[in-house]
């Protein structure tokens, strides 16, 4: 059973206390740092005054990265190729 850990993450100058599994801590801290770095980049490159707007742009950036990976995987087809190979092996066994 995973141990629970109480941590505090700072995002956009706000502190968020969380209780997380020990295995999640590193990932959450890394994500928090990435968000803060992205916030700084948006504030430096664009005339944005409202933190909510900056956070919305960060959310859009992260979500688009996830979606782009899905699209790239569909184009690449590596997942489909792996599945087809497994199906081919199963068919060969039955023949």
PDB file of N, CA and C in Angstrom:
ATOM      1  N   UNK A   1       0.838  -1.179   0.000  1.00  0.00           N
ATOM      2  CA  UNK A   1       0.000   0.000   0.000  1.00  0.00           C
ATOM      3  C   UNK A   1       0.885   1.245   0.000  1.00  0.00           C
ATOM      4  N   UNK A   2       0.597   2.173  -0.899  1.00  0.00           N
ATOM      5  CA  UNK A   2       1.402   3.385  -0.998  1.00  0.00           C
ATOM      6  C   UNK A   2       1.191   4.288   0.210  1.00  0.00           C
ATOM      7  N   UNK A   3       2.292   4.872   0.634  1.00  0.00           N
ATOM      8  CA  UNK A   3       2.239   5.831   1.721  1.00  0.00           C
ATOM      9  C   UNK A   3       1.692   7.142   1.207  1.00  0.00           C
ATOM     10  N   UNK A   4       0.922   7.832   2.036  1.00  0.00           N
ATOM     11  CA  UNK A   4       0.403   9.153   1.686  1.00  0.00           C
ATOM     12  C   UNK A   4       1.371  10.195   2.215  1.00  0.00           C
ATOM     13  N   UNK A   5       1.504  11.252   1.451  1.00  0.00           N
ATOM     14  CA  UNK A   5       2.445  12.302   1.789  1.00  0.00           C
ATOM     15  C   UNK A   5       1.726  13.636   1.629  1.00  0.00           C
ATOM     16  N   UNK A   6       1.901  14.529   2.593  1.00  0.00           N
ATOM     17  CA  UNK A   6       1.314  15.864   2.493  1.00  0.00           C
ATOM     18  C   UNK A   6       2.373  16.800   1.933  1.00  0.00           C
ATOM     19  N   UNK A   7       2.035  17.423   0.805  1.00  0.00           N
ATOM     20  CA  UNK A   7       2.971  18.348   0.171  1.00  0.00           C
ATOM     21  C   UNK A   7       2.248  19.664  -0.114  1.00  0.00           C
ATOM     22  N   UNK A   8       3.033  20.687  -0.376  1.00  0.00           N
ATOM     23  CA  UNK A   8       2.489  21.979  -0.779  1.00  0.00           C
ATOM     24  C   UNK A   8       3.134  22.355  -2.100  1.00  0.00           C
ATOM     25  N   UNK A   9       2.301  22.632  -3.082  1.00  0.00           N
ATOM     26  CA  UNK A   9       2.792  23.052  -4.386  1.00  0.00           C
ATOM     27  C   UNK A   9       2.406  24.501  -4.620  1.00  0.00           C
ATOM     28  N   UNK A  10       3.325  25.261  -5.166  1.00  0.00           N
ATOM     29  CA  UNK A  10       3.067  26.652  -5.496  1.00  0.00           C
ATOM     30  C   UNK A  10       2.890  26.765  -7.002  1.00  0.00           C
ATOM     31  N   UNK A  11       1.719  27.258  -7.399  1.00  0.00           N
ATOM     32  CA  UNK A  11       1.424  27.475  -8.804  1.00  0.00           C
ATOM     33  C   UNK A  11       0.809  28.858  -8.939  1.00  0.00           C
ATOM     34  N   UNK A  12       1.405  29.683  -9.774  1.00  0.00           N
ATOM     35  CA  UNK A  12       0.903  31.038 -10.034  1.00  0.00           C
ATOM     36  C   UNK A  12       0.762  31.828  -8.732  1.00  0.00           C
ATOM     37  N   UNK A  13       1.761  31.751  -7.908  1.00  0.00           N
ATOM     38  CA  UNK A  13       1.814  32.487  -6.638  1.00  0.00           C
ATOM     39  C   UNK A  13       0.739  32.082  -5.637  1.00  0.00           C
ATOM     40  N   UNK A  14       0.216  30.891  -5.784  1.00  0.00           N
ATOM     41  CA  UNK A  14      -0.724  30.343  -4.803  1.00  0.00           C
ATOM     42  C   UNK A  14      -0.201  29.000  -4.335  1.00  0.00           C
ATOM     43  N   UNK A  15      -0.434  28.712  -3.076  1.00  0.00           N
ATOM     44  CA  UNK A  15       0.026  27.445  -2.498  1.00  0.00           C
ATOM     45  C   UNK A  15      -1.158  26.491  -2.419  1.00  0.00           C
ATOM     46  N   UNK A  16      -0.921  25.275  -2.882  1.00  0.00           N
ATOM     47  CA  UNK A  16      -1.949  24.240  -2.882  1.00  0.00           C
ATOM     48  C   UNK A  16      -1.474  23.054  -2.049  1.00  0.00           C
ATOM     49  N   UNK A  17      -2.086  22.859  -0.869  1.00  0.00           N
ATOM     50  CA  UNK A  17      -1.726  21.679  -0.069  1.00  0.00           C
ATOM     51  C   UNK A  17      -2.413  20.442  -0.646  1.00  0.00           C
ATOM     52  N   UNK A  18      -1.641  19.383  -0.800  1.00  0.00           N
ATOM     53  CA  UNK A  18      -2.160  18.146  -1.371  1.00  0.00           C
ATOM     54  C   UNK A  18      -1.727  16.951  -0.541  1.00  0.00           C
ATOM     55  N   UNK A  19      -2.542  15.928  -0.533  1.00  0.00           N
ATOM     56  CA  UNK A  19      -2.164  14.645   0.029  1.00  0.00           C
ATOM     57  C   UNK A  19      -2.086  13.678  -1.137  1.00  0.00           C
ATOM     58  N   UNK A  20      -0.883  13.156  -1.356  1.00  0.00           N
ATOM     59  CA  UNK A  20      -0.639  12.339  -2.544  1.00  0.00           C
ATOM     60  C   UNK A  20       0.084  11.053  -2.163  1.00  0.00           C
ATOM     61  N   UNK A  21       0.062  10.096  -3.086  1.00  0.00           N
ATOM     62  CA  UNK A  21       0.877   8.902  -2.912  1.00  0.00           C
ATOM     63  C   UNK A  21       2.342   9.290  -3.048  1.00  0.00           C
ATOM     64  N   UNK A  22       3.186   8.622  -2.319  1.00  0.00           N
ATOM     65  CA  UNK A  22       4.617   8.899  -2.367  1.00  0.00           C
ATOM     66  C   UNK A  22       5.148   8.799  -3.797  1.00  0.00           C
ATOM     67  N   UNK A  23       4.599   7.878  -4.567  1.00  0.00           N
ATOM     68  CA  UNK A  23       5.044   7.666  -5.949  1.00  0.00           C
ATOM     69  C   UNK A  23       4.665   8.818  -6.873  1.00  0.00           C
ATOM     70  N   UNK A  24       3.721   9.667  -6.469  1.00  0.00           N
ATOM     71  CA  UNK A  24       3.265  10.778  -7.302  1.00  0.00           C
ATOM     72  C   UNK A  24       4.022  12.074  -7.041  1.00  0.00           C
ATOM     73  N   UNK A  25       4.733  12.144  -5.937  1.00  0.00           N
ATOM     74  CA  UNK A  25       5.330  13.419  -5.519  1.00  0.00           C
ATOM     75  C   UNK A  25       6.239  14.022  -6.585  1.00  0.00           C
ATOM     76  N   UNK A  26       7.178  13.259  -7.080  1.00  0.00           N
ATOM     77  CA  UNK A  26       8.154  13.788  -8.028  1.00  0.00           C
ATOM     78  C   UNK A  26       7.466  14.326  -9.286  1.00  0.00           C
ATOM     79  N   UNK A  27       6.509  13.587  -9.794  1.00  0.00           N
ATOM     80  CA  UNK A  27       5.794  14.016 -10.991  1.00  0.00           C
ATOM     81  C   UNK A  27       5.006  15.291 -10.774  1.00  0.00           C
ATOM     82  N   UNK A  28       4.362  15.400  -9.611  1.00  0.00           N
ATOM     83  CA  UNK A  28       3.596  16.605  -9.308  1.00  0.00           C
ATOM     84  C   UNK A  28       4.497  17.816  -9.136  1.00  0.00           C
ATOM     85  N   UNK A  29       5.616  17.631  -8.474  1.00  0.00           N
ATOM     86  CA  UNK A  29       6.554  18.753  -8.301  1.00  0.00           C
ATOM     87  C   UNK A  29       7.122  19.193  -9.653  1.00  0.00           C
ATOM     88  N   UNK A  30       7.431  18.243 -10.495  1.00  0.00           N
ATOM     89  CA  UNK A  30       7.939  18.558 -11.821  1.00  0.00           C
ATOM     90  C   UNK A  30       6.882  19.302 -12.643  1.00  0.00           C
ATOM     91  N   UNK A  31       5.652  18.836 -12.588  1.00  0.00           N
ATOM     92  CA  UNK A  31       4.558  19.495 -13.317  1.00  0.00           C
ATOM     93  C   UNK A  31       4.356  20.923 -12.812  1.00  0.00           C
ATOM     94  N   UNK A  32       4.429  21.109 -11.506  1.00  0.00           N
ATOM     95  CA  UNK A  32       4.281  22.442 -10.920  1.00  0.00           C
ATOM     96  C   UNK A  32       5.362  23.385 -11.429  1.00  0.00           C
ATOM     97  N   UNK A  33       6.584  22.899 -11.494  1.00  0.00           N
ATOM     98  CA  UNK A  33       7.692  23.727 -12.007  1.00  0.00           C
ATOM     99  C   UNK A  33       7.487  24.066 -13.480  1.00  0.00           C
ATOM    100  N   UNK A  34       7.029  23.091 -14.267  1.00  0.00           N
ATOM    101  CA  UNK A  34       6.787  23.343 -15.691  1.00  0.00           C
ATOM    102  C   UNK A  34       5.705  24.404 -15.875  1.00  0.00           C
ATOM    103  N   UNK A  35       4.659  24.320 -15.074  1.00  0.00           N
ATOM    104  CA  UNK A  35       3.577  25.309 -15.162  1.00  0.00           C
ATOM    105  C   UNK A  35       4.109  26.698 -14.821  1.00  0.00           C
ATOM    106  N   UNK A  36       4.862  26.815 -13.738  1.00  0.00           N
ATOM    107  CA  UNK A  36       5.406  28.118 -13.356  1.00  0.00           C
ATOM    108  C   UNK A  36       6.355  28.669 -14.413  1.00  0.00           C
ATOM    109  N   UNK A  37       7.177  27.808 -15.009  1.00  0.00           N
ATOM    110  CA  UNK A  37       8.068  28.261 -16.081  1.00  0.00           C
ATOM    111  C   UNK A  37       7.271  28.742 -17.296  1.00  0.00           C
ATOM    112  N   UNK A  38       6.220  28.022 -17.626  1.00  0.00           N
ATOM    113  CA  UNK A  38       5.391  28.413 -18.751  1.00  0.00           C
ATOM    114  C   UNK A  38       4.682  29.736 -18.468  1.00  0.00           C
ATOM    115  N   UNK A  39       4.226  29.913 -17.235  1.00  0.00           N
ATOM    116  CA  UNK A  39       3.590  31.169 -16.839  1.00  0.00           C
ATOM    117  C   UNK A  39       4.564  32.329 -17.046  1.00  0.00           C
ATOM    118  N   UNK A  40       5.791  32.159 -16.608  1.00  0.00           N
ATOM    119  CA  UNK A  40       6.799  33.213 -16.773  1.00  0.00           C
ATOM    120  C   UNK A  40       7.021  33.532 -18.244  1.00  0.00           C
ATOM    121  N   UNK A  41       7.079  32.495 -19.086  1.00  0.00           N
ATOM    122  CA  UNK A  41       7.277  32.718 -20.519  1.00  0.00           C
ATOM    123  C   UNK A  41       6.116  33.505 -21.118  1.00  0.00           C
ATOM    124  N   UNK A  42       4.880  33.132 -20.776  1.00  0.00           N
ATOM    125  CA  UNK A  42       3.726  33.851 -21.305  1.00  0.00           C
ATOM    126  C   UNK A  42       3.726  35.302 -20.825  1.00  0.00           C
ATOM    127  N   UNK A  43       4.054  35.522 -19.557  1.00  0.00           N
ATOM    128  CA  UNK A  43       4.065  36.883 -19.026  1.00  0.00           C
ATOM    129  C   UNK A  43       5.166  37.732 -19.662  1.00  0.00           C
ATOM    130  N   UNK A  44       6.301  37.116 -19.981  1.00  0.00           N
ATOM    131  CA  UNK A  44       7.400  37.860 -20.611  1.00  0.00           C
ATOM    132  C   UNK A  44       7.137  38.155 -22.082  1.00  0.00           C
ATOM    133  N   UNK A  45       6.481  37.233 -22.770  1.00  0.00           N
ATOM    134  CA  UNK A  45       6.302  37.366 -24.217  1.00  0.00           C
ATOM    135  C   UNK A  45       5.000  38.034 -24.640  1.00  0.00           C
ATOM    136  N   UNK A  46       4.029  38.081 -23.765  1.00  0.00           N
ATOM    137  CA  UNK A  46       2.731  38.651 -24.114  1.00  0.00           C
ATOM    138  C   UNK A  46       2.297  39.625 -23.028  1.00  0.00           C
ATOM    139  N   UNK A  47       1.490  40.583 -23.427  1.00  0.00           N
ATOM    140  CA  UNK A  47       0.981  41.571 -22.469  1.00  0.00           C
ATOM    141  C   UNK A  47      -0.242  40.996 -21.763  1.00  0.00           C
ATOM    142  N   UNK A  48       0.001  40.108 -20.849  1.00  0.00           N
ATOM    143  CA  UNK A  48      -1.078  39.442 -20.118  1.00  0.00           C
ATOM    144  C   UNK A  48      -1.002  39.885 -18.659  1.00  0.00           C
ATOM    145  N   UNK A  49      -2.098  40.405 -18.160  1.00  0.00           N
ATOM    146  CA  UNK A  49      -2.113  40.884 -16.782  1.00  0.00           C
ATOM    147  C   UNK A  49      -2.835  39.926 -15.841  1.00  0.00           C
ATOM    148  N   UNK A  50      -3.780  39.203 -16.379  1.00  0.00           N
ATOM    149  CA  UNK A  50      -4.634  38.349 -15.556  1.00  0.00           C
ATOM    150  C   UNK A  50      -4.059  36.940 -15.456  1.00  0.00           C
ATOM    151  N   UNK A  51      -3.848  36.477 -14.226  1.00  0.00           N
ATOM    152  CA  UNK A  51      -3.309  35.117 -14.015  1.00  0.00           C
ATOM    153  C   UNK A  51      -4.228  34.056 -14.601  1.00  0.00           C
ATOM    154  N   UNK A  52      -5.529  34.300 -14.555  1.00  0.00           N
ATOM    155  CA  UNK A  52      -6.460  33.312 -15.094  1.00  0.00           C
ATOM    156  C   UNK A  52      -6.236  33.118 -16.595  1.00  0.00           C
ATOM    157  N   UNK A  53      -5.974  34.206 -17.305  1.00  0.00           N
ATOM    158  CA  UNK A  53      -5.696  34.090 -18.736  1.00  0.00           C
ATOM    159  C   UNK A  53      -4.416  33.299 -18.976  1.00  0.00           C
ATOM    160  N   UNK A  54      -3.399  33.567 -18.170  1.00  0.00           N
ATOM    161  CA  UNK A  54      -2.129  32.856 -18.311  1.00  0.00           C
ATOM    162  C   UNK A  54      -2.314  31.375 -18.007  1.00  0.00           C
ATOM    163  N   UNK A  55      -3.058  31.068 -16.960  1.00  0.00           N
ATOM    164  CA  UNK A  55      -3.300  29.667 -16.614  1.00  0.00           C
ATOM    165  C   UNK A  55      -4.115  28.960 -17.700  1.00  0.00           C
ATOM    166  N   UNK A  56      -5.056  29.687 -18.310  1.00  0.00           N
ATOM    167  CA  UNK A  56      -5.837  29.099 -19.402  1.00  0.00           C
ATOM    168  C   UNK A  56      -4.927  28.781 -20.588  1.00  0.00           C
ATOM    169  N   UNK A  57      -3.986  29.658 -20.876  1.00  0.00           N
ATOM    170  CA  UNK A  57      -3.049  29.415 -21.973  1.00  0.00           C
ATOM    171  C   UNK A  57      -2.127  28.234 -21.655  1.00  0.00           C
ATOM    172  N   UNK A  58      -1.723  28.115 -20.401  1.00  0.00           N
ATOM    173  CA  UNK A  58      -0.915  26.959 -19.990  1.00  0.00           C
ATOM    174  C   UNK A  58      -1.703  25.667 -20.168  1.00  0.00           C
ATOM    175  N   UNK A  59      -2.944  25.676 -19.728  1.00  0.00           N
ATOM    176  CA  UNK A  59      -3.788  24.482 -19.869  1.00  0.00           C
ATOM    177  C   UNK A  59      -3.945  24.107 -21.337  1.00  0.00           C
ATOM    178  N   UNK A  60      -4.162  25.125 -22.187  1.00  0.00           N
ATOM    179  CA  UNK A  60      -4.292  24.870 -23.621  1.00  0.00           C
ATOM    180  C   UNK A  60      -3.003  24.297 -24.194  1.00  0.00           C
ATOM    181  N   UNK A  61      -1.870  24.837 -23.775  1.00  0.00           N
ATOM    182  CA  UNK A  61      -0.571  24.362 -24.259  1.00  0.00           C
ATOM    183  C   UNK A  61      -0.348  22.890 -23.890  1.00  0.00           C
ATOM    184  N   UNK A  62      -0.588  22.547 -22.614  1.00  0.00           N
ATOM    185  CA  UNK A  62      -0.396  21.154 -22.180  1.00  0.00           C
ATOM    186  C   UNK A  62      -1.377  20.209 -22.872  1.00  0.00           C
ATOM    187  N   UNK A  63      -2.633  20.633 -22.975  1.00  0.00           N
ATOM    188  CA  UNK A  63      -3.635  19.778 -23.610  1.00  0.00           C
ATOM    189  C   UNK A  63      -3.309  19.570 -25.088  1.00  0.00           C
ATOM    190  N   UNK A  64      -2.842  20.623 -25.756  1.00  0.00           N
ATOM    191  CA  UNK A  64      -2.512  20.472 -27.176  1.00  0.00           C
ATOM    192  C   UNK A  64      -1.310  19.549 -27.371  1.00  0.00           C
ATOM    193  N   UNK A  65      -0.375  19.564 -26.436  1.00  0.00           N
ATOM    194  CA  UNK A  65       0.770  18.647 -26.523  1.00  0.00           C
ATOM    195  C   UNK A  65       0.312  17.197 -26.420  1.00  0.00           C
ATOM    196  N   UNK A  66      -0.612  16.930 -25.504  1.00  0.00           N
ATOM    197  CA  UNK A  66      -1.140  15.572 -25.342  1.00  0.00           C
ATOM    198  C   UNK A  66      -1.886  15.145 -26.605  1.00  0.00           C
ATOM    199  N   UNK A  67      -2.728  16.032 -27.121  1.00  0.00           N
ATOM    200  CA  UNK A  67      -3.495  15.702 -28.319  1.00  0.00           C
ATOM    201  C   UNK A  67      -2.585  15.520 -29.527  1.00  0.00           C
ATOM    202  N   UNK A  68      -1.545  16.336 -29.633  1.00  0.00           N
ATOM    203  CA  UNK A  68      -0.617  16.214 -30.757  1.00  0.00           C
ATOM    204  C   UNK A  68       0.102  14.871 -30.727  1.00  0.00           C
ATOM    205  N   UNK A  69       0.442  14.408 -29.518  1.00  0.00           N
ATOM    206  CA  UNK A  69       1.081  13.089 -29.406  1.00  0.00           C
ATOM    207  C   UNK A  69       0.149  11.994 -29.897  1.00  0.00           C
ATOM    208  N   UNK A  70      -1.141  12.135 -29.598  1.00  0.00           N
ATOM    209  CA  UNK A  70      -2.114  11.152 -30.078  1.00  0.00           C
ATOM    210  C   UNK A  70      -2.183  11.169 -31.599  1.00  0.00           C
ATOM    211  N   UNK A  71      -2.226  12.365 -32.167  1.00  0.00           N
ATOM    212  CA  UNK A  71      -2.288  12.505 -33.622  1.00  0.00           C
ATOM    213  C   UNK A  71      -1.020  11.943 -34.255  1.00  0.00           C
ATOM    214  N   UNK A  72       0.125  12.283 -33.682  1.00  0.00           N
ATOM    215  CA  UNK A  72       1.393  11.773 -34.213  1.00  0.00           C
ATOM    216  C   UNK A  72       1.436  10.256 -34.178  1.00  0.00           C
ATOM    217  N   UNK A  73       0.899   9.673 -33.111  1.00  0.00           N
ATOM    218  CA  UNK A  73       0.880   8.216 -32.991  1.00  0.00           C
ATOM    219  C   UNK A  73      -0.035   7.596 -34.058  1.00  0.00           C
ATOM    220  N   UNK A  74      -1.141   8.265 -34.333  1.00  0.00           N
ATOM    221  CA  UNK A  74      -2.035   7.754 -35.380  1.00  0.00           C
ATOM    222  C   UNK A  74      -1.358   7.817 -36.738  1.00  0.00           C
ATOM    223  N   UNK A  75      -0.652   8.915 -36.985  1.00  0.00           N
ATOM    224  CA  UNK A  75       0.038   9.065 -38.263  1.00  0.00           C
ATOM    225  C   UNK A  75       1.184   8.072 -38.354  1.00  0.00           C
ATOM    226  N   UNK A  76       1.928   7.963 -37.274  1.00  0.00           N
ATOM    227  CA  UNK A  76       3.067   7.048 -37.218  1.00  0.00           C
ATOM    228  C   UNK A  76       2.576   5.615 -37.369  1.00  0.00           C
ATOM    229  N   UNK A  77       1.502   5.295 -36.681  1.00  0.00           N
ATOM    230  CA  UNK A  77       0.912   3.977 -36.787  1.00  0.00           C
ATOM    231  C   UNK A  77       1.624   2.894 -35.998  1.00  0.00           C
ATOM    232  N   UNK A  78       2.590   3.283 -35.162  1.00  0.00           N
ATOM    233  CA  UNK A  78       3.351   2.262 -34.441  1.00  0.00           C
ATOM    234  C   UNK A  78       2.454   1.424 -33.528  1.00  0.00           C
ATOM    235  N   UNK A  79       1.467   2.052 -32.919  1.00  0.00           N
ATOM    236  CA  UNK A  79       0.551   1.293 -32.061  1.00  0.00           C
ATOM    237  C   UNK A  79      -0.263   0.309 -32.896  1.00  0.00           C
ATOM    238  N   UNK A  80      -0.719   0.756 -34.038  1.00  0.00           N
ATOM    239  CA  UNK A  80      -1.487  -0.122 -34.928  1.00  0.00           C
ATOM    240  C   UNK A  80      -0.628  -1.276 -35.434  1.00  0.00           C
ATOM    241  N   UNK A  81       0.608  -0.979 -35.776  1.00  0.00           N
ATOM    242  CA  UNK A  81       1.515  -2.025 -36.259  1.00  0.00           C
ATOM    243  C   UNK A  81       1.737  -3.078 -35.185  1.00  0.00           C
ATOM    244  N   UNK A  82       1.932  -2.633 -33.952  1.00  0.00           N
ATOM    245  CA  UNK A  82       2.120  -3.566 -32.839  1.00  0.00           C
ATOM    246  C   UNK A  82       0.898  -4.460 -32.678  1.00  0.00           C
ATOM    247  N   UNK A  83      -0.281  -3.871 -32.744  1.00  0.00           N
ATOM    248  CA  UNK A  83      -1.510  -4.657 -32.621  1.00  0.00           C
ATOM    249  C   UNK A  83      -1.649  -5.659 -33.765  1.00  0.00           C
ATOM    250  N   UNK A  84      -1.335  -5.211 -34.975  1.00  0.00           N
ATOM    251  CA  UNK A  84      -1.429  -6.106 -36.128  1.00  0.00           C
ATOM    252  C   UNK A  84      -0.457  -7.282 -36.007  1.00  0.00           C
ATOM    253  N   UNK A  85       0.726  -7.034 -35.510  1.00  0.00           N
ATOM    254  CA  UNK A  85       1.697  -8.115 -35.311  1.00  0.00           C
ATOM    255  C   UNK A  85       1.172  -9.131 -34.303  1.00  0.00           C
ATOM    256  N   UNK A  86       0.574  -8.636 -33.221  1.00  0.00           N
ATOM    257  CA  UNK A  86       0.014  -9.545 -32.219  1.00  0.00           C
ATOM    258  C   UNK A  86      -1.120 -10.374 -32.813  1.00  0.00           C
ATOM    259  N   UNK A  87      -1.972  -9.729 -33.608  1.00  0.00           N
ATOM    260  CA  UNK A  87      -3.059 -10.461 -34.259  1.00  0.00           C
ATOM    261  C   UNK A  87      -2.515 -11.495 -35.235  1.00  0.00           C
ATOM    262  N   UNK A  88      -1.464 -11.140 -35.943  1.00  0.00           N
ATOM    263  CA  UNK A  88      -0.851 -12.071 -36.887  1.00  0.00           C
ATOM    264  C   UNK A  88      -0.315 -13.304 -36.173  1.00  0.00           C
ATOM    265  N   UNK A  89       0.304 -13.101 -35.024  1.00  0.00           N
ATOM    266  CA  UNK A  89       0.820 -14.220 -34.238  1.00  0.00           C
ATOM    267  C   UNK A  89      -0.332 -15.114 -33.794  1.00  0.00           C
ATOM    268  N   UNK A  90      -1.432 -14.516 -33.325  1.00  0.00           N
ATOM    269  CA  UNK A  90      -2.575 -15.306 -32.893  1.00  0.00           C
ATOM    270  C   UNK A  90      -3.178 -16.106 -34.058  1.00  0.00           C
ATOM    271  N   UNK A  91      -3.279 -15.482 -35.205  1.00  0.00           N
ATOM    272  CA  UNK A  91      -3.825 -16.166 -36.389  1.00  0.00           C
ATOM    273  C   UNK A  91      -2.917 -17.338 -36.787  1.00  0.00           C
ATOM    274  N   UNK A  92      -1.613 -17.102 -36.789  1.00  0.00           N
ATOM    275  CA  UNK A  92      -0.661 -18.164 -37.126  1.00  0.00           C
ATOM    276  C   UNK A  92      -0.799 -19.366 -36.185  1.00  0.00           C
ATOM    277  N   UNK A  93      -1.034 -19.105 -34.914  1.00  0.00           N
ATOM    278  CA  UNK A  93      -1.195 -20.197 -33.943  1.00  0.00           C
ATOM    279  C   UNK A  93      -2.426 -21.042 -34.268  1.00  0.00           C
ATOM    280  N   UNK A  94      -3.490 -20.407 -34.718  1.00  0.00           N
ATOM    281  CA  UNK A  94      -4.713 -21.149 -34.991  1.00  0.00           C
ATOM    282  C   UNK A  94      -4.699 -21.843 -36.334  1.00  0.00           C
ATOM    283  N   UNK A  95      -3.829 -21.445 -37.223  1.00  0.00           N
ATOM    284  CA  UNK A  95      -3.796 -22.064 -38.562  1.00  0.00           C
ATOM    285  C   UNK A  95      -2.934 -23.265 -38.624  1.00  0.00           C
TER     286      UNK A  95
END
